Amino acid sequence: MKAKSIAESATTLSVVMMPQDANHYGSVHGGTILKLVDEAAFVVATKHARKNVVVASMDHIEFKHPVNVGDLLTLKASLYHVGMTSMDVEVGIETEKIKQGKILKVGSSYLTMVALDELGKPARVPRLILKTKEEIAKSKDIRQKRQRRIAHFNG
């Protein structure tokens, strides 16, 4: 199995938020944003593993700015750590107030995705090539977040 770089699976999803995505105040439902976060992580993990993937866990998200109908919601997702069968993906979330040309960081989330074989059992994934100091630091940070999450649930 050939190792892959972060750039080989990184993805950006951009979606204009419409009335069906929002509540009666015009604010986009948190669940709509979470669904798109899941989709961005799915794309990254699938591109890396080239297998079926599922979400094993998702860290919390703090919504720092509201997303409204008419905004362009952009999710930038990258894989920063892999285990034997799992992949840790960071998804950055931002909203662009298109008429004002103002971009606001909404938040970010970390998801652990697991690759599955044809029988639905965990499957090995390619190693990850870290090329820059930033990628190495980000990978270390995500591994530490993962260890804290595992300790929290096991403690």
N, C-alpha and C. Protein backbone atom coordinates (compact mmCIF):
# COMPACT_ATOMS: atom_id res chain seq x y z
N MET A 1 0.85 -1.17 0.00
CA MET A 1 0.00 0.00 0.00
C MET A 1 0.90 1.24 0.00
N LYS A 2 0.73 2.10 -0.98
CA LYS A 2 1.58 3.28 -1.16
C LYS A 2 1.18 4.39 -0.19
N ALA A 3 2.16 4.95 0.53
CA ALA A 3 1.91 6.08 1.42
C ALA A 3 1.47 7.29 0.60
N LYS A 4 0.68 8.16 1.22
CA LYS A 4 0.15 9.33 0.51
C LYS A 4 0.41 10.60 1.32
N SER A 5 0.50 11.71 0.62
CA SER A 5 0.69 13.00 1.28
C SER A 5 -0.66 13.59 1.68
N ILE A 6 -0.60 14.60 2.54
CA ILE A 6 -1.82 15.30 2.96
C ILE A 6 -2.51 15.92 1.75
N ALA A 7 -1.74 16.51 0.86
CA ALA A 7 -2.31 17.20 -0.30
C ALA A 7 -3.11 16.28 -1.21
N GLU A 8 -2.78 14.99 -1.21
CA GLU A 8 -3.48 14.06 -2.10
C GLU A 8 -4.94 13.84 -1.72
N SER A 9 -5.29 14.12 -0.48
CA SER A 9 -6.68 13.89 -0.08
C SER A 9 -7.40 15.15 0.41
N ALA A 10 -6.68 16.26 0.58
CA ALA A 10 -7.30 17.49 1.07
C ALA A 10 -8.44 17.91 0.16
N THR A 11 -9.48 18.49 0.76
CA THR A 11 -10.63 18.91 -0.05
C THR A 11 -11.25 20.17 0.53
N THR A 12 -11.93 20.91 -0.33
CA THR A 12 -12.68 22.09 0.07
C THR A 12 -14.09 21.94 -0.48
N LEU A 13 -15.07 22.09 0.41
CA LEU A 13 -16.47 22.08 -0.01
C LEU A 13 -17.04 23.47 0.25
N SER A 14 -17.72 24.04 -0.73
CA SER A 14 -18.38 25.33 -0.55
C SER A 14 -19.83 25.20 -0.97
N VAL A 15 -20.72 25.70 -0.10
CA VAL A 15 -22.16 25.57 -0.34
C VAL A 15 -22.84 26.88 0.04
N VAL A 16 -23.70 27.39 -0.84
CA VAL A 16 -24.51 28.56 -0.50
C VAL A 16 -25.65 28.09 0.39
N MET A 17 -25.81 28.73 1.53
CA MET A 17 -26.86 28.34 2.46
C MET A 17 -28.21 28.91 2.00
N MET A 18 -29.19 28.03 1.95
CA MET A 18 -30.51 28.35 1.42
C MET A 18 -31.55 28.31 2.54
N PRO A 19 -32.76 28.80 2.27
CA PRO A 19 -33.80 28.82 3.33
C PRO A 19 -34.08 27.46 3.96
N GLN A 20 -33.98 26.37 3.19
CA GLN A 20 -34.25 25.04 3.76
C GLN A 20 -33.16 24.61 4.74
N ASP A 21 -32.02 25.32 4.76
CA ASP A 21 -30.93 25.00 5.69
C ASP A 21 -31.07 25.72 7.02
N ALA A 22 -32.08 26.58 7.14
CA ALA A 22 -32.13 27.50 8.28
C ALA A 22 -33.42 27.40 9.09
N ASN A 23 -33.36 28.03 10.27
CA ASN A 23 -34.54 28.15 11.12
C ASN A 23 -35.35 29.39 10.69
N HIS A 24 -36.40 29.69 11.42
CA HIS A 24 -37.27 30.81 11.04
C HIS A 24 -36.63 32.19 11.28
N TYR A 25 -35.46 32.22 11.90
CA TYR A 25 -34.72 33.48 12.08
C TYR A 25 -33.73 33.72 10.95
N GLY A 26 -33.56 32.73 10.07
CA GLY A 26 -32.61 32.85 8.98
C GLY A 26 -31.22 32.36 9.32
N SER A 27 -31.05 31.77 10.51
CA SER A 27 -29.76 31.20 10.91
C SER A 27 -29.71 29.74 10.51
N VAL A 28 -28.59 29.33 9.97
CA VAL A 28 -28.44 27.96 9.51
C VAL A 28 -28.40 27.02 10.72
N HIS A 29 -29.12 25.91 10.62
CA HIS A 29 -29.15 24.91 11.68
C HIS A 29 -27.75 24.35 11.92
N GLY A 30 -27.40 24.17 13.18
CA GLY A 30 -26.13 23.54 13.51
C GLY A 30 -26.02 22.16 12.89
N GLY A 31 -27.14 21.44 12.83
CA GLY A 31 -27.15 20.10 12.25
C GLY A 31 -26.81 20.11 10.77
N THR A 32 -27.21 21.16 10.07
CA THR A 32 -26.85 21.30 8.65
C THR A 32 -25.35 21.42 8.51
N ILE A 33 -24.74 22.24 9.38
CA ILE A 33 -23.29 22.43 9.34
C ILE A 33 -22.58 21.12 9.71
N LEU A 34 -23.08 20.43 10.73
CA LEU A 34 -22.47 19.15 11.13
C LEU A 34 -22.52 18.13 10.01
N LYS A 35 -23.62 18.09 9.29
CA LYS A 35 -23.75 17.16 8.16
C LYS A 35 -22.69 17.47 7.10
N LEU A 36 -22.45 18.74 6.84
CA LEU A 36 -21.45 19.12 5.85
C LEU A 36 -20.04 18.83 6.35
N VAL A 37 -19.79 18.99 7.65
CA VAL A 37 -18.51 18.62 8.24
C VAL A 37 -18.27 17.13 8.03
N ASP A 38 -19.29 16.32 8.29
CA ASP A 38 -19.21 14.87 8.10
C ASP A 38 -18.90 14.56 6.63
N GLU A 39 -19.56 15.24 5.71
CA GLU A 39 -19.33 14.98 4.29
C GLU A 39 -17.91 15.35 3.87
N ALA A 40 -17.39 16.47 4.37
CA ALA A 40 -16.02 16.87 4.04
C ALA A 40 -15.02 15.84 4.55
N ALA A 41 -15.21 15.38 5.79
CA ALA A 41 -14.33 14.36 6.36
C ALA A 41 -14.43 13.05 5.58
N PHE A 42 -15.64 12.70 5.17
CA PHE A 42 -15.87 11.50 4.36
C PHE A 42 -15.06 11.55 3.06
N VAL A 43 -15.10 12.70 2.38
CA VAL A 43 -14.38 12.84 1.11
C VAL A 43 -12.88 12.65 1.32
N VAL A 44 -12.34 13.34 2.34
CA VAL A 44 -10.90 13.25 2.60
C VAL A 44 -10.49 11.80 2.92
N ALA A 45 -11.20 11.17 3.84
CA ALA A 45 -10.85 9.81 4.26
C ALA A 45 -11.02 8.81 3.11
N THR A 46 -12.04 8.98 2.31
CA THR A 46 -12.25 8.08 1.17
C THR A 46 -11.16 8.26 0.13
N LYS A 47 -10.75 9.50 -0.13
CA LYS A 47 -9.68 9.75 -1.08
C LYS A 47 -8.37 9.13 -0.60
N HIS A 48 -8.13 9.17 0.71
CA HIS A 48 -6.89 8.60 1.24
C HIS A 48 -6.94 7.07 1.21
N ALA A 49 -8.01 6.49 1.74
CA ALA A 49 -8.09 5.04 1.89
C ALA A 49 -8.54 4.33 0.61
N ARG A 50 -9.33 5.04 -0.22
CA ARG A 50 -9.96 4.43 -1.40
C ARG A 50 -10.78 3.21 -1.00
N LYS A 51 -11.47 3.36 0.14
CA LYS A 51 -12.36 2.33 0.69
C LYS A 51 -13.59 3.02 1.27
N ASN A 52 -14.58 2.23 1.65
CA ASN A 52 -15.70 2.78 2.41
C ASN A 52 -15.17 3.28 3.74
N VAL A 53 -15.72 4.37 4.23
CA VAL A 53 -15.31 4.91 5.52
C VAL A 53 -16.55 5.32 6.32
N VAL A 54 -16.39 5.29 7.66
CA VAL A 54 -17.46 5.74 8.55
C VAL A 54 -16.84 6.62 9.64
N VAL A 55 -17.69 7.45 10.24
CA VAL A 55 -17.25 8.29 11.36
C VAL A 55 -17.22 7.44 12.62
N ALA A 56 -16.08 7.47 13.33
CA ALA A 56 -15.98 6.80 14.63
C ALA A 56 -16.22 7.81 15.75
N SER A 57 -15.74 9.04 15.55
CA SER A 57 -15.97 10.08 16.56
C SER A 57 -15.80 11.46 15.92
N MET A 58 -16.41 12.44 16.61
CA MET A 58 -16.30 13.83 16.20
C MET A 58 -16.13 14.65 17.47
N ASP A 59 -15.11 15.52 17.48
CA ASP A 59 -14.94 16.42 18.61
C ASP A 59 -16.04 17.47 18.60
N HIS A 60 -16.14 18.21 19.68
CA HIS A 60 -17.16 19.25 19.78
C HIS A 60 -16.84 20.41 18.83
N ILE A 61 -17.86 21.17 18.51
CA ILE A 61 -17.71 22.37 17.70
C ILE A 61 -18.31 23.53 18.48
N GLU A 62 -17.58 24.62 18.54
CA GLU A 62 -18.12 25.87 19.08
C GLU A 62 -18.37 26.78 17.89
N PHE A 63 -19.60 27.22 17.73
CA PHE A 63 -19.93 28.10 16.62
C PHE A 63 -19.62 29.54 17.04
N LYS A 64 -18.54 30.10 16.48
CA LYS A 64 -18.07 31.42 16.88
C LYS A 64 -18.83 32.55 16.20
N HIS A 65 -19.41 32.26 15.03
CA HIS A 65 -20.18 33.25 14.29
C HIS A 65 -21.38 32.56 13.68
N PRO A 66 -22.49 33.26 13.59
CA PRO A 66 -23.66 32.65 12.94
C PRO A 66 -23.45 32.52 11.44
N VAL A 67 -24.11 31.54 10.87
CA VAL A 67 -24.14 31.36 9.43
C VAL A 67 -25.59 31.62 9.03
N ASN A 68 -25.77 32.46 8.02
CA ASN A 68 -27.11 32.87 7.63
C ASN A 68 -27.44 32.45 6.21
N VAL A 69 -28.73 32.46 5.91
CA VAL A 69 -29.19 32.21 4.55
C VAL A 69 -28.48 33.20 3.63
N GLY A 70 -27.96 32.71 2.52
CA GLY A 70 -27.25 33.54 1.55
C GLY A 70 -25.75 33.54 1.75
N ASP A 71 -25.28 33.07 2.91
CA ASP A 71 -23.83 32.98 3.14
C ASP A 71 -23.25 31.82 2.34
N LEU A 72 -21.97 31.94 2.03
CA LEU A 72 -21.23 30.83 1.42
C LEU A 72 -20.48 30.13 2.54
N LEU A 73 -20.89 28.92 2.85
CA LEU A 73 -20.24 28.12 3.88
C LEU A 73 -19.14 27.31 3.21
N THR A 74 -17.91 27.43 3.73
CA THR A 74 -16.78 26.71 3.16
C THR A 74 -16.14 25.84 4.23
N LEU A 75 -15.91 24.59 3.88
CA LEU A 75 -15.27 23.63 4.77
C LEU A 75 -13.98 23.17 4.12
N LYS A 76 -12.87 23.34 4.85
CA LYS A 76 -11.56 22.92 4.35
C LYS A 76 -11.11 21.75 5.21
N ALA A 77 -10.96 20.59 4.58
CA ALA A 77 -10.68 19.37 5.33
C ALA A 77 -9.37 18.74 4.87
N SER A 78 -8.60 18.30 5.88
CA SER A 78 -7.32 17.64 5.60
C SER A 78 -7.09 16.53 6.61
N LEU A 79 -6.40 15.51 6.16
CA LEU A 79 -6.03 14.36 6.97
C LEU A 79 -4.66 14.64 7.58
N TYR A 80 -4.53 14.52 8.90
CA TYR A 80 -3.25 14.82 9.54
C TYR A 80 -2.66 13.68 10.34
N HIS A 81 -3.40 12.58 10.48
CA HIS A 81 -2.86 11.44 11.22
C HIS A 81 -3.58 10.18 10.77
N VAL A 82 -2.84 9.09 10.63
CA VAL A 82 -3.47 7.80 10.35
C VAL A 82 -2.94 6.76 11.32
N GLY A 83 -3.81 5.82 11.65
CA GLY A 83 -3.43 4.65 12.42
C GLY A 83 -3.42 3.46 11.47
N MET A 84 -3.71 2.30 12.01
CA MET A 84 -3.77 1.11 11.16
C MET A 84 -5.00 1.13 10.26
N THR A 85 -6.16 1.47 10.85
CA THR A 85 -7.42 1.48 10.10
C THR A 85 -8.16 2.80 10.21
N SER A 86 -7.65 3.71 11.05
CA SER A 86 -8.35 4.97 11.29
C SER A 86 -7.58 6.16 10.74
N MET A 87 -8.30 7.24 10.52
CA MET A 87 -7.74 8.47 9.98
C MET A 87 -8.34 9.64 10.75
N ASP A 88 -7.48 10.59 11.15
CA ASP A 88 -7.94 11.78 11.87
C ASP A 88 -7.95 12.96 10.90
N VAL A 89 -9.12 13.57 10.79
CA VAL A 89 -9.35 14.64 9.82
C VAL A 89 -9.69 15.93 10.57
N GLU A 90 -9.06 17.02 10.14
CA GLU A 90 -9.43 18.34 10.66
C GLU A 90 -10.29 19.03 9.62
N VAL A 91 -11.42 19.59 10.06
CA VAL A 91 -12.30 20.33 9.16
C VAL A 91 -12.44 21.75 9.70
N GLY A 92 -11.96 22.71 8.93
CA GLY A 92 -12.13 24.13 9.26
C GLY A 92 -13.41 24.63 8.62
N ILE A 93 -14.15 25.45 9.36
CA ILE A 93 -15.45 25.93 8.89
C ILE A 93 -15.42 27.46 8.85
N GLU A 94 -15.76 28.03 7.70
CA GLU A 94 -15.85 29.48 7.62
C GLU A 94 -17.07 29.88 6.82
N THR A 95 -17.52 31.10 7.09
CA THR A 95 -18.67 31.63 6.36
C THR A 95 -18.26 32.92 5.69
N GLU A 96 -18.72 33.08 4.47
CA GLU A 96 -18.47 34.33 3.76
C GLU A 96 -19.78 35.07 3.58
N LYS A 97 -19.81 36.27 4.10
CA LYS A 97 -20.94 37.17 3.88
C LYS A 97 -20.69 37.75 2.48
N ILE A 98 -21.27 37.12 1.48
CA ILE A 98 -20.89 37.39 0.09
C ILE A 98 -21.05 38.85 -0.29
N LYS A 99 -22.14 39.49 0.09
CA LYS A 99 -22.35 40.88 -0.31
C LYS A 99 -21.32 41.82 0.29
N GLN A 100 -20.86 41.50 1.50
CA GLN A 100 -19.87 42.35 2.16
C GLN A 100 -18.44 41.91 1.85
N GLY A 101 -18.27 40.72 1.32
CA GLY A 101 -16.94 40.19 1.07
C GLY A 101 -16.19 39.90 2.35
N LYS A 102 -16.94 39.61 3.42
CA LYS A 102 -16.34 39.39 4.73
C LYS A 102 -16.34 37.90 5.04
N ILE A 103 -15.15 37.36 5.38
CA ILE A 103 -15.01 35.94 5.71
C ILE A 103 -14.78 35.82 7.21
N LEU A 104 -15.57 34.97 7.86
CA LEU A 104 -15.47 34.74 9.31
C LEU A 104 -15.20 33.27 9.59
N LYS A 105 -14.27 33.01 10.51
CA LYS A 105 -14.00 31.64 10.93
C LYS A 105 -15.11 31.23 11.89
N VAL A 106 -15.88 30.22 11.49
CA VAL A 106 -16.99 29.74 12.30
C VAL A 106 -16.49 28.79 13.38
N GLY A 107 -15.56 27.92 13.04
CA GLY A 107 -15.04 26.95 13.99
C GLY A 107 -14.29 25.85 13.26
N SER A 108 -14.00 24.80 14.00
CA SER A 108 -13.34 23.64 13.41
C SER A 108 -13.73 22.40 14.19
N SER A 109 -13.49 21.27 13.57
CA SER A 109 -13.79 20.00 14.23
C SER A 109 -12.78 18.96 13.79
N TYR A 110 -12.59 17.98 14.66
CA TYR A 110 -11.71 16.85 14.36
C TYR A 110 -12.55 15.60 14.38
N LEU A 111 -12.42 14.80 13.33
CA LEU A 111 -13.17 13.58 13.21
C LEU A 111 -12.22 12.41 13.03
N THR A 112 -12.57 11.28 13.62
CA THR A 112 -11.85 10.05 13.37
C THR A 112 -12.72 9.20 12.46
N MET A 113 -12.16 8.85 11.32
CA MET A 113 -12.85 8.04 10.33
C MET A 113 -12.18 6.67 10.30
N VAL A 114 -12.96 5.62 10.07
CA VAL A 114 -12.43 4.26 10.00
C VAL A 114 -12.74 3.69 8.63
N ALA A 115 -11.72 3.11 8.01
CA ALA A 115 -11.88 2.46 6.71
C ALA A 115 -12.46 1.06 6.91
N LEU A 116 -13.32 0.65 5.99
CA LEU A 116 -13.96 -0.67 6.07
C LEU A 116 -13.71 -1.46 4.80
N ASP A 117 -13.58 -2.77 4.98
CA ASP A 117 -13.46 -3.65 3.82
C ASP A 117 -14.85 -4.00 3.29
N GLU A 118 -14.90 -4.90 2.32
CA GLU A 118 -16.17 -5.28 1.70
C GLU A 118 -17.14 -5.95 2.66
N LEU A 119 -16.61 -6.50 3.78
CA LEU A 119 -17.45 -7.16 4.78
C LEU A 119 -17.84 -6.24 5.93
N GLY A 120 -17.42 -4.97 5.83
CA GLY A 120 -17.74 -4.01 6.89
C GLY A 120 -16.80 -4.08 8.08
N LYS A 121 -15.66 -4.74 7.92
CA LYS A 121 -14.66 -4.86 9.00
C LYS A 121 -13.59 -3.79 8.78
N PRO A 122 -12.98 -3.31 9.88
CA PRO A 122 -11.91 -2.31 9.72
C PRO A 122 -10.81 -2.80 8.78
N ALA A 123 -10.37 -1.90 7.91
CA ALA A 123 -9.38 -2.24 6.89
C ALA A 123 -8.17 -1.30 7.00
N ARG A 124 -7.01 -1.83 6.68
CA ARG A 124 -5.78 -1.03 6.74
C ARG A 124 -5.84 0.15 5.77
N VAL A 125 -5.18 1.23 6.17
CA VAL A 125 -5.11 2.42 5.33
C VAL A 125 -3.64 2.75 5.03
N PRO A 126 -3.40 3.47 3.94
CA PRO A 126 -2.02 3.86 3.62
C PRO A 126 -1.42 4.77 4.71
N ARG A 127 -0.10 4.68 4.84
CA ARG A 127 0.60 5.60 5.74
C ARG A 127 0.46 7.02 5.21
N LEU A 128 0.73 7.98 6.09
CA LEU A 128 0.62 9.39 5.73
C LEU A 128 2.03 10.00 5.67
N ILE A 129 2.30 10.69 4.59
CA ILE A 129 3.58 11.38 4.43
C ILE A 129 3.41 12.82 4.92
N LEU A 130 4.20 13.20 5.91
CA LEU A 130 4.19 14.57 6.42
C LEU A 130 5.40 15.28 5.82
N LYS A 131 5.16 16.37 5.09
CA LYS A 131 6.24 17.01 4.32
C LYS A 131 6.80 18.28 4.95
N THR A 132 5.97 19.02 5.69
CA THR A 132 6.41 20.31 6.21
C THR A 132 6.41 20.31 7.74
N LYS A 133 7.08 21.31 8.31
CA LYS A 133 7.07 21.47 9.77
C LYS A 133 5.65 21.68 10.27
N GLU A 134 4.85 22.44 9.50
CA GLU A 134 3.46 22.69 9.88
C GLU A 134 2.66 21.37 9.91
N GLU A 135 2.85 20.54 8.91
CA GLU A 135 2.14 19.25 8.86
C GLU A 135 2.55 18.36 10.03
N ILE A 136 3.84 18.35 10.36
CA ILE A 136 4.32 17.54 11.48
C ILE A 136 3.73 18.05 12.79
N ALA A 137 3.72 19.37 12.98
CA ALA A 137 3.16 19.96 14.20
C ALA A 137 1.66 19.69 14.31
N LYS A 138 0.95 19.83 13.19
CA LYS A 138 -0.50 19.58 13.17
C LYS A 138 -0.79 18.12 13.49
N SER A 139 0.01 17.22 12.94
CA SER A 139 -0.16 15.79 13.19
C SER A 139 0.04 15.49 14.68
N LYS A 140 1.06 16.07 15.26
CA LYS A 140 1.33 15.87 16.69
C LYS A 140 0.17 16.40 17.53
N ASP A 141 -0.34 17.56 17.18
CA ASP A 141 -1.47 18.15 17.91
C ASP A 141 -2.70 17.26 17.82
N ILE A 142 -2.98 16.74 16.65
CA ILE A 142 -4.16 15.87 16.47
C ILE A 142 -3.98 14.56 17.23
N ARG A 143 -2.77 13.99 17.23
CA ARG A 143 -2.54 12.76 18.01
C ARG A 143 -2.77 13.01 19.49
N GLN A 144 -2.35 14.17 20.00
CA GLN A 144 -2.56 14.51 21.41
C GLN A 144 -4.04 14.68 21.71
N LYS A 145 -4.77 15.35 20.83
CA LYS A 145 -6.22 15.49 21.00
C LYS A 145 -6.88 14.11 21.05
N ARG A 146 -6.44 13.23 20.17
CA ARG A 146 -7.00 11.88 20.13
C ARG A 146 -6.72 11.14 21.42
N GLN A 147 -5.49 11.23 21.93
CA GLN A 147 -5.14 10.56 23.19
C GLN A 147 -5.97 11.09 24.35
N ARG A 148 -6.20 12.40 24.39
CA ARG A 148 -7.04 12.99 25.46
C ARG A 148 -8.48 12.49 25.35
N ARG A 149 -8.99 12.42 24.10
CA ARG A 149 -10.35 11.96 23.90
C ARG A 149 -10.50 10.50 24.35
N ILE A 150 -9.53 9.66 23.99
CA ILE A 150 -9.58 8.25 24.37
C ILE A 150 -9.48 8.11 25.88
N ALA A 151 -8.58 8.89 26.52
CA ALA A 151 -8.44 8.85 27.98
C ALA A 151 -9.72 9.30 28.66
N HIS A 152 -10.38 10.30 28.09
CA HIS A 152 -11.64 10.81 28.66
C HIS A 152 -12.72 9.73 28.65
N PHE A 153 -12.84 9.02 27.53
CA PHE A 153 -13.88 8.01 27.42
C PHE A 153 -13.54 6.72 28.17
N ASN A 154 -12.26 6.45 28.37
CA ASN A 154 -11.86 5.25 29.09
C ASN A 154 -11.66 5.49 30.59
N GLY A 155 -11.65 6.77 30.98
CA GLY A 155 -11.37 7.10 32.38
C GLY A 155 -12.56 7.26 33.20
